[in-house]
Amino acid sequence: MLDVEAMLHRVQGWPGPVQLSLATRILESLEASAARPAAPLKNLLGLLTRSAPAPSDEECDNILAEERLRKYR
């Protein structure tokens, strides 16, 4: 992690456009190395959809209270 901090300190002295160019190149390299199919993401998003409305704050508080009681019994 020290190397990252040293690099960040060094780069902060560079002109803004040069910093932006470096950031863009880093992101592009991450994109290229992380080329994965989009299907798993679609599957995960499907898990987040609900047929019922989201619980209210009060309902969430009740759920948490019930889980805490169950945990510490």
PDB file of N, CA and C in Angstrom:
ATOM      1  N   MET A   1       0.826  -1.196   0.000  1.00  0.00           N
ATOM      2  CA  MET A   1       0.000   0.000   0.000  1.00  0.00           C
ATOM      3  C   MET A   1       0.865   1.253   0.000  1.00  0.00           C
ATOM      4  N   LEU A   2       2.055   1.148   0.566  1.00  0.00           N
ATOM      5  CA  LEU A   2       2.959   2.287   0.560  1.00  0.00           C
ATOM      6  C   LEU A   2       3.308   2.718  -0.851  1.00  0.00           C
ATOM      7  N   ASP A   3       3.464   1.753  -1.738  1.00  0.00           N
ATOM      8  CA  ASP A   3       3.774   2.081  -3.123  1.00  0.00           C
ATOM      9  C   ASP A   3       2.671   2.911  -3.759  1.00  0.00           C
ATOM     10  N   VAL A   4       1.431   2.585  -3.435  1.00  0.00           N
ATOM     11  CA  VAL A   4       0.294   3.324  -3.984  1.00  0.00           C
ATOM     12  C   VAL A   4       0.306   4.756  -3.466  1.00  0.00           C
ATOM     13  N   GLU A   5       0.553   4.921  -2.179  1.00  0.00           N
ATOM     14  CA  GLU A   5       0.602   6.263  -1.597  1.00  0.00           C
ATOM     15  C   GLU A   5       1.741   7.081  -2.214  1.00  0.00           C
ATOM     16  N   ALA A   6       2.883   6.450  -2.407  1.00  0.00           N
ATOM     17  CA  ALA A   6       4.020   7.148  -3.010  1.00  0.00           C
ATOM     18  C   ALA A   6       3.702   7.546  -4.448  1.00  0.00           C
ATOM     19  N   MET A   7       3.050   6.647  -5.179  1.00  0.00           N
ATOM     20  CA  MET A   7       2.675   6.943  -6.564  1.00  0.00           C
ATOM     21  C   MET A   7       1.667   8.088  -6.608  1.00  0.00           C
ATOM     22  N   LEU A   8       0.681   8.043  -5.720  1.00  0.00           N
ATOM     23  CA  LEU A   8      -0.320   9.106  -5.684  1.00  0.00           C
ATOM     24  C   LEU A   8       0.331  10.453  -5.389  1.00  0.00           C
ATOM     25  N   HIS A   9       1.238  10.480  -4.438  1.00  0.00           N
ATOM     26  CA  HIS A   9       1.935  11.714  -4.095  1.00  0.00           C
ATOM     27  C   HIS A   9       2.735  12.228  -5.301  1.00  0.00           C
ATOM     28  N   ARG A  10       3.357  11.325  -6.010  1.00  0.00           N
ATOM     29  CA  ARG A  10       4.159  11.706  -7.179  1.00  0.00           C
ATOM     30  C   ARG A  10       3.267  12.256  -8.291  1.00  0.00           C
ATOM     31  N   VAL A  11       2.129  11.625  -8.513  1.00  0.00           N
ATOM     32  CA  VAL A  11       1.234  11.999  -9.616  1.00  0.00           C
ATOM     33  C   VAL A  11       0.532  13.318  -9.337  1.00  0.00           C
ATOM     34  N   GLN A  12       0.327  13.665  -8.080  1.00  0.00           N
ATOM     35  CA  GLN A  12      -0.373  14.904  -7.743  1.00  0.00           C
ATOM     36  C   GLN A  12       0.347  16.136  -8.271  1.00  0.00           C
ATOM     37  N   GLY A  13       1.626  16.047  -8.537  1.00  0.00           N
ATOM     38  CA  GLY A  13       2.358  17.176  -9.087  1.00  0.00           C
ATOM     39  C   GLY A  13       2.222  17.314 -10.596  1.00  0.00           C
ATOM     40  N   TRP A  14       1.641  16.328 -11.246  1.00  0.00           N
ATOM     41  CA  TRP A  14       1.481  16.358 -12.694  1.00  0.00           C
ATOM     42  C   TRP A  14       0.317  17.258 -13.090  1.00  0.00           C
ATOM     43  N   PRO A  15       0.335  17.771 -14.314  1.00  0.00           N
ATOM     44  CA  PRO A  15      -0.801  18.566 -14.811  1.00  0.00           C
ATOM     45  C   PRO A  15      -2.074  17.712 -14.865  1.00  0.00           C
ATOM     46  N   GLY A  16      -3.215  18.352 -14.690  1.00  0.00           N
ATOM     47  CA  GLY A  16      -4.500  17.656 -14.679  1.00  0.00           C
ATOM     48  C   GLY A  16      -4.749  16.752 -15.874  1.00  0.00           C
ATOM     49  N   PRO A  17      -4.504  17.231 -17.108  1.00  0.00           N
ATOM     50  CA  PRO A  17      -4.761  16.370 -18.264  1.00  0.00           C
ATOM     51  C   PRO A  17      -3.896  15.105 -18.267  1.00  0.00           C
ATOM     52  N   VAL A  18      -2.685  15.202 -17.761  1.00  0.00           N
ATOM     53  CA  VAL A  18      -1.799  14.036 -17.716  1.00  0.00           C
ATOM     54  C   VAL A  18      -2.321  13.048 -16.664  1.00  0.00           C
ATOM     55  N   GLN A  19      -2.778  13.569 -15.517  1.00  0.00           N
ATOM     56  CA  GLN A  19      -3.365  12.709 -14.489  1.00  0.00           C
ATOM     57  C   GLN A  19      -4.600  11.987 -15.034  1.00  0.00           C
ATOM     58  N   LEU A  20      -5.428  12.719 -15.752  1.00  0.00           N
ATOM     59  CA  LEU A  20      -6.636  12.148 -16.331  1.00  0.00           C
ATOM     60  C   LEU A  20      -6.298  11.074 -17.355  1.00  0.00           C
ATOM     61  N   SER A  21      -5.281  11.322 -18.162  1.00  0.00           N
ATOM     62  CA  SER A  21      -4.852  10.335 -19.142  1.00  0.00           C
ATOM     63  C   SER A  21      -4.389   9.053 -18.456  1.00  0.00           C
ATOM     64  N   LEU A  22      -3.631   9.194 -17.387  1.00  0.00           N
ATOM     65  CA  LEU A  22      -3.174   8.023 -16.633  1.00  0.00           C
ATOM     66  C   LEU A  22      -4.360   7.270 -16.055  1.00  0.00           C
ATOM     67  N   ALA A  23      -5.299   7.982 -15.450  1.00  0.00           N
ATOM     68  CA  ALA A  23      -6.478   7.342 -14.867  1.00  0.00           C
ATOM     69  C   ALA A  23      -7.272   6.596 -15.929  1.00  0.00           C
ATOM     70  N   THR A  24      -7.423   7.201 -17.093  1.00  0.00           N
ATOM     71  CA  THR A  24      -8.147   6.567 -18.190  1.00  0.00           C
ATOM     72  C   THR A  24      -7.455   5.284 -18.616  1.00  0.00           C
ATOM     73  N   ARG A  25      -6.140   5.337 -18.753  1.00  0.00           N
ATOM     74  CA  ARG A  25      -5.397   4.145 -19.160  1.00  0.00           C
ATOM     75  C   ARG A  25      -5.498   3.035 -18.118  1.00  0.00           C
ATOM     76  N   ILE A  26      -5.482   3.396 -16.838  1.00  0.00           N
ATOM     77  CA  ILE A  26      -5.634   2.393 -15.780  1.00  0.00           C
ATOM     78  C   ILE A  26      -7.012   1.743 -15.864  1.00  0.00           C
ATOM     79  N   LEU A  27      -8.056   2.565 -16.019  1.00  0.00           N
ATOM     80  CA  LEU A  27      -9.410   2.025 -16.120  1.00  0.00           C
ATOM     81  C   LEU A  27      -9.580   1.146 -17.348  1.00  0.00           C
ATOM     82  N   GLU A  28      -9.000   1.553 -18.462  1.00  0.00           N
ATOM     83  CA  GLU A  28      -9.084   0.745 -19.675  1.00  0.00           C
ATOM     84  C   GLU A  28      -8.395  -0.600 -19.479  1.00  0.00           C
ATOM     85  N   SER A  29      -7.270  -0.607 -18.776  1.00  0.00           N
ATOM     86  CA  SER A  29      -6.582  -1.880 -18.546  1.00  0.00           C
ATOM     87  C   SER A  29      -7.416  -2.781 -17.640  1.00  0.00           C
ATOM     88  N   LEU A  30      -8.126  -2.194 -16.679  1.00  0.00           N
ATOM     89  CA  LEU A  30      -9.000  -2.989 -15.819  1.00  0.00           C
ATOM     90  C   LEU A  30     -10.177  -3.549 -16.602  1.00  0.00           C
ATOM     91  N   GLU A  31     -10.744  -2.739 -17.486  1.00  0.00           N
ATOM     92  CA  GLU A  31     -11.850  -3.189 -18.322  1.00  0.00           C
ATOM     93  C   GLU A  31     -11.426  -4.371 -19.169  1.00  0.00           C
ATOM     94  N   ALA A  32     -10.251  -4.277 -19.766  1.00  0.00           N
ATOM     95  CA  ALA A  32      -9.766  -5.337 -20.640  1.00  0.00           C
ATOM     96  C   ALA A  32      -9.528  -6.627 -19.858  1.00  0.00           C
ATOM     97  N   SER A  33      -8.992  -6.509 -18.650  1.00  0.00           N
ATOM     98  CA  SER A  33      -8.691  -7.707 -17.873  1.00  0.00           C
ATOM     99  C   SER A  33      -9.931  -8.296 -17.213  1.00  0.00           C
ATOM    100  N   ALA A  34     -10.975  -7.516 -17.081  1.00  0.00           N
ATOM    101  CA  ALA A  34     -12.190  -7.983 -16.408  1.00  0.00           C
ATOM    102  C   ALA A  34     -13.313  -8.256 -17.401  1.00  0.00           C
ATOM    103  N   ALA A  35     -12.979  -8.563 -18.630  1.00  0.00           N
ATOM    104  CA  ALA A  35     -14.009  -8.828 -19.633  1.00  0.00           C
ATOM    105  C   ALA A  35     -14.715 -10.132 -19.275  1.00  0.00           C
ATOM    106  N   ARG A  36     -15.914 -10.000 -18.696  1.00  0.00           N
ATOM    107  CA  ARG A  36     -16.706 -11.143 -18.279  1.00  0.00           C
ATOM    108  C   ARG A  36     -18.070 -11.041 -18.947  1.00  0.00           C
ATOM    109  N   PRO A  37     -18.738 -12.163 -19.103  1.00  0.00           N
ATOM    110  CA  PRO A  37     -20.072 -12.103 -19.694  1.00  0.00           C
ATOM    111  C   PRO A  37     -21.041 -11.358 -18.787  1.00  0.00           C
ATOM    112  N   ALA A  38     -22.023 -10.700 -19.399  1.00  0.00           N
ATOM    113  CA  ALA A  38     -22.980  -9.893 -18.648  1.00  0.00           C
ATOM    114  C   ALA A  38     -24.095 -10.729 -18.033  1.00  0.00           C
ATOM    115  N   ALA A  39     -24.242 -11.978 -18.415  1.00  0.00           N
ATOM    116  CA  ALA A  39     -25.335 -12.806 -17.913  1.00  0.00           C
ATOM    117  C   ALA A  39     -25.342 -12.922 -16.395  1.00  0.00           C
ATOM    118  N   PRO A  40     -24.219 -13.172 -15.729  1.00  0.00           N
ATOM    119  CA  PRO A  40     -24.277 -13.265 -14.266  1.00  0.00           C
ATOM    120  C   PRO A  40     -24.803 -11.980 -13.615  1.00  0.00           C
ATOM    121  N   LEU A  41     -24.446 -10.827 -14.176  1.00  0.00           N
ATOM    122  CA  LEU A  41     -24.949  -9.572 -13.628  1.00  0.00           C
ATOM    123  C   LEU A  41     -26.460  -9.492 -13.779  1.00  0.00           C
ATOM    124  N   LYS A  42     -26.972  -9.916 -14.922  1.00  0.00           N
ATOM    125  CA  LYS A  42     -28.421  -9.909 -15.123  1.00  0.00           C
ATOM    126  C   LYS A  42     -29.103 -10.838 -14.119  1.00  0.00           C
ATOM    127  N   ASN A  43     -28.467 -11.970 -13.842  1.00  0.00           N
ATOM    128  CA  ASN A  43     -29.043 -12.900 -12.872  1.00  0.00           C
ATOM    129  C   ASN A  43     -29.080 -12.269 -11.487  1.00  0.00           C
ATOM    130  N   LEU A  44     -28.014 -11.573 -11.122  1.00  0.00           N
ATOM    131  CA  LEU A  44     -27.979 -10.922  -9.811  1.00  0.00           C
ATOM    132  C   LEU A  44     -29.032  -9.828  -9.709  1.00  0.00           C
ATOM    133  N   LEU A  45     -29.192  -9.058 -10.767  1.00  0.00           N
ATOM    134  CA  LEU A  45     -30.200  -7.997 -10.750  1.00  0.00           C
ATOM    135  C   LEU A  45     -31.592  -8.592 -10.595  1.00  0.00           C
ATOM    136  N   GLY A  46     -31.801  -9.767 -11.176  1.00  0.00           N
ATOM    137  CA  GLY A  46     -33.082 -10.444 -11.035  1.00  0.00           C
ATOM    138  C   GLY A  46     -33.372 -10.821  -9.596  1.00  0.00           C
ATOM    139  N   LEU A  47     -32.332 -11.128  -8.834  1.00  0.00           N
ATOM    140  CA  LEU A  47     -32.520 -11.467  -7.428  1.00  0.00           C
ATOM    141  C   LEU A  47     -32.978 -10.266  -6.614  1.00  0.00           C
ATOM    142  N   LEU A  48     -32.647  -9.086  -7.076  1.00  0.00           N
ATOM    143  CA  LEU A  48     -32.984  -7.879  -6.340  1.00  0.00           C
ATOM    144  C   LEU A  48     -34.410  -7.398  -6.594  1.00  0.00           C
ATOM    145  N   THR A  49     -35.041  -7.901  -7.632  1.00  0.00           N
ATOM    146  CA  THR A  49     -36.403  -7.461  -7.924  1.00  0.00           C
ATOM    147  C   THR A  49     -37.369  -8.142  -6.965  1.00  0.00           C
ATOM    148  N   ARG A  50     -38.409  -7.432  -6.602  1.00  0.00           N
ATOM    149  CA  ARG A  50     -39.389  -7.950  -5.648  1.00  0.00           C
ATOM    150  C   ARG A  50     -40.781  -7.812  -6.244  1.00  0.00           C
ATOM    151  N   SER A  51     -41.623  -8.794  -5.921  1.00  0.00           N
ATOM    152  CA  SER A  51     -43.009  -8.700  -6.374  1.00  0.00           C
ATOM    153  C   SER A  51     -43.830  -7.843  -5.401  1.00  0.00           C
ATOM    154  N   ALA A  52     -43.354  -7.730  -4.164  1.00  0.00           N
ATOM    155  CA  ALA A  52     -44.036  -6.913  -3.160  1.00  0.00           C
ATOM    156  C   ALA A  52     -43.250  -5.623  -2.957  1.00  0.00           C
ATOM    157  N   PRO A  53     -43.920  -4.608  -2.429  1.00  0.00           N
ATOM    158  CA  PRO A  53     -43.182  -3.360  -2.171  1.00  0.00           C
ATOM    159  C   PRO A  53     -42.142  -3.558  -1.068  1.00  0.00           C
ATOM    160  N   ALA A  54     -41.150  -2.721  -1.059  1.00  0.00           N
ATOM    161  CA  ALA A  54     -40.108  -2.790  -0.034  1.00  0.00           C
ATOM    162  C   ALA A  54     -40.717  -2.517   1.337  1.00  0.00           C
ATOM    163  N   PRO A  55     -40.162  -3.151   2.379  1.00  0.00           N
ATOM    164  CA  PRO A  55     -40.704  -2.914   3.720  1.00  0.00           C
ATOM    165  C   PRO A  55     -40.458  -1.477   4.172  1.00  0.00           C
ATOM    166  N   SER A  56     -41.356  -1.001   5.025  1.00  0.00           N
ATOM    167  CA  SER A  56     -41.216   0.355   5.567  1.00  0.00           C
ATOM    168  C   SER A  56     -40.107   0.359   6.612  1.00  0.00           C
ATOM    169  N   ASP A  57     -39.735   1.535   7.062  1.00  0.00           N
ATOM    170  CA  ASP A  57     -38.717   1.648   8.101  1.00  0.00           C
ATOM    171  C   ASP A  57     -39.161   0.917   9.371  1.00  0.00           C
ATOM    172  N   GLU A  58     -40.429   1.053   9.709  1.00  0.00           N
ATOM    173  CA  GLU A  58     -40.956   0.393  10.904  1.00  0.00           C
ATOM    174  C   GLU A  58     -40.881  -1.131  10.759  1.00  0.00           C
ATOM    175  N   GLU A  59     -41.238  -1.636   9.575  1.00  0.00           N
ATOM    176  CA  GLU A  59     -41.161  -3.076   9.335  1.00  0.00           C
ATOM    177  C   GLU A  59     -39.718  -3.566   9.411  1.00  0.00           C
ATOM    178  N   CYS A  60     -38.788  -2.785   8.889  1.00  0.00           N
ATOM    179  CA  CYS A  60     -37.365  -3.147   8.968  1.00  0.00           C
ATOM    180  C   CYS A  60     -36.903  -3.187  10.417  1.00  0.00           C
ATOM    181  N   ASP A  61     -37.329  -2.208  11.212  1.00  0.00           N
ATOM    182  CA  ASP A  61     -36.975  -2.185  12.628  1.00  0.00           C
ATOM    183  C   ASP A  61     -37.505  -3.423  13.333  1.00  0.00           C
ATOM    184  N   ASN A  62     -38.750  -3.820  13.019  1.00  0.00           N
ATOM    185  CA  ASN A  62     -39.339  -5.014  13.622  1.00  0.00           C
ATOM    186  C   ASN A  62     -38.581  -6.279  13.211  1.00  0.00           C
ATOM    187  N   ILE A  63     -38.202  -6.371  11.954  1.00  0.00           N
ATOM    188  CA  ILE A  63     -37.439  -7.529  11.468  1.00  0.00           C
ATOM    189  C   ILE A  63     -36.112  -7.621  12.205  1.00  0.00           C
ATOM    190  N   LEU A  64     -35.423  -6.488  12.327  1.00  0.00           N
ATOM    191  CA  LEU A  64     -34.141  -6.478  13.032  1.00  0.00           C
ATOM    192  C   LEU A  64     -34.304  -6.870  14.495  1.00  0.00           C
ATOM    193  N   ALA A  65     -35.348  -6.348  15.147  1.00  0.00           N
ATOM    194  CA  ALA A  65     -35.588  -6.678  16.557  1.00  0.00           C
ATOM    195  C   ALA A  65     -35.858  -8.171  16.715  1.00  0.00           C
ATOM    196  N   GLU A  66     -36.663  -8.743  15.817  1.00  0.00           N
ATOM    197  CA  GLU A  66     -36.959 -10.176  15.881  1.00  0.00           C
ATOM    198  C   GLU A  66     -35.694 -11.009  15.681  1.00  0.00           C
ATOM    199  N   GLU A  67     -34.860 -10.602  14.733  1.00  0.00           N
ATOM    200  CA  GLU A  67     -33.620 -11.338  14.479  1.00  0.00           C
ATOM    201  C   GLU A  67     -32.657 -11.252  15.659  1.00  0.00           C
ATOM    202  N   ARG A  68     -32.603 -10.104  16.302  1.00  0.00           N
ATOM    203  CA  ARG A  68     -31.736  -9.965  17.480  1.00  0.00           C
ATOM    204  C   ARG A  68     -32.229 -10.855  18.616  1.00  0.00           C
ATOM    205  N   LEU A  69     -33.555 -10.889  18.822  1.00  0.00           N
ATOM    206  CA  LEU A  69     -34.111 -11.764  19.851  1.00  0.00           C
ATOM    207  C   LEU A  69     -33.805 -13.231  19.556  1.00  0.00           C
ATOM    208  N   ARG A  70     -33.946 -13.591  18.294  1.00  0.00           N
ATOM    209  CA  ARG A  70     -33.683 -14.976  17.897  1.00  0.00           C
ATOM    210  C   ARG A  70     -32.203 -15.314  18.084  1.00  0.00           C
ATOM    211  N   LYS A  71     -31.356 -14.366  17.783  1.00  0.00           N
ATOM    212  CA  LYS A  71     -29.905 -14.589  17.868  1.00  0.00           C
ATOM    213  C   LYS A  71     -29.451 -14.795  19.307  1.00  0.00           C
ATOM    214  N   TYR A  72     -30.011 -14.024  20.238  1.00  0.00           N
ATOM    215  CA  TYR A  72     -29.526 -14.055  21.607  1.00  0.00           C
ATOM    216  C   TYR A  72     -30.354 -14.946  22.536  1.00  0.00           C
ATOM    217  N   ARG A  73     -31.237 -15.762  22.007  1.00  0.00           N
ATOM    218  CA  ARG A  73     -32.020 -16.703  22.843  1.00  0.00           C
ATOM    219  C   ARG A  73     -31.190 -17.887  23.197  1.00  0.00           C
TER     220      ARG A  73
END
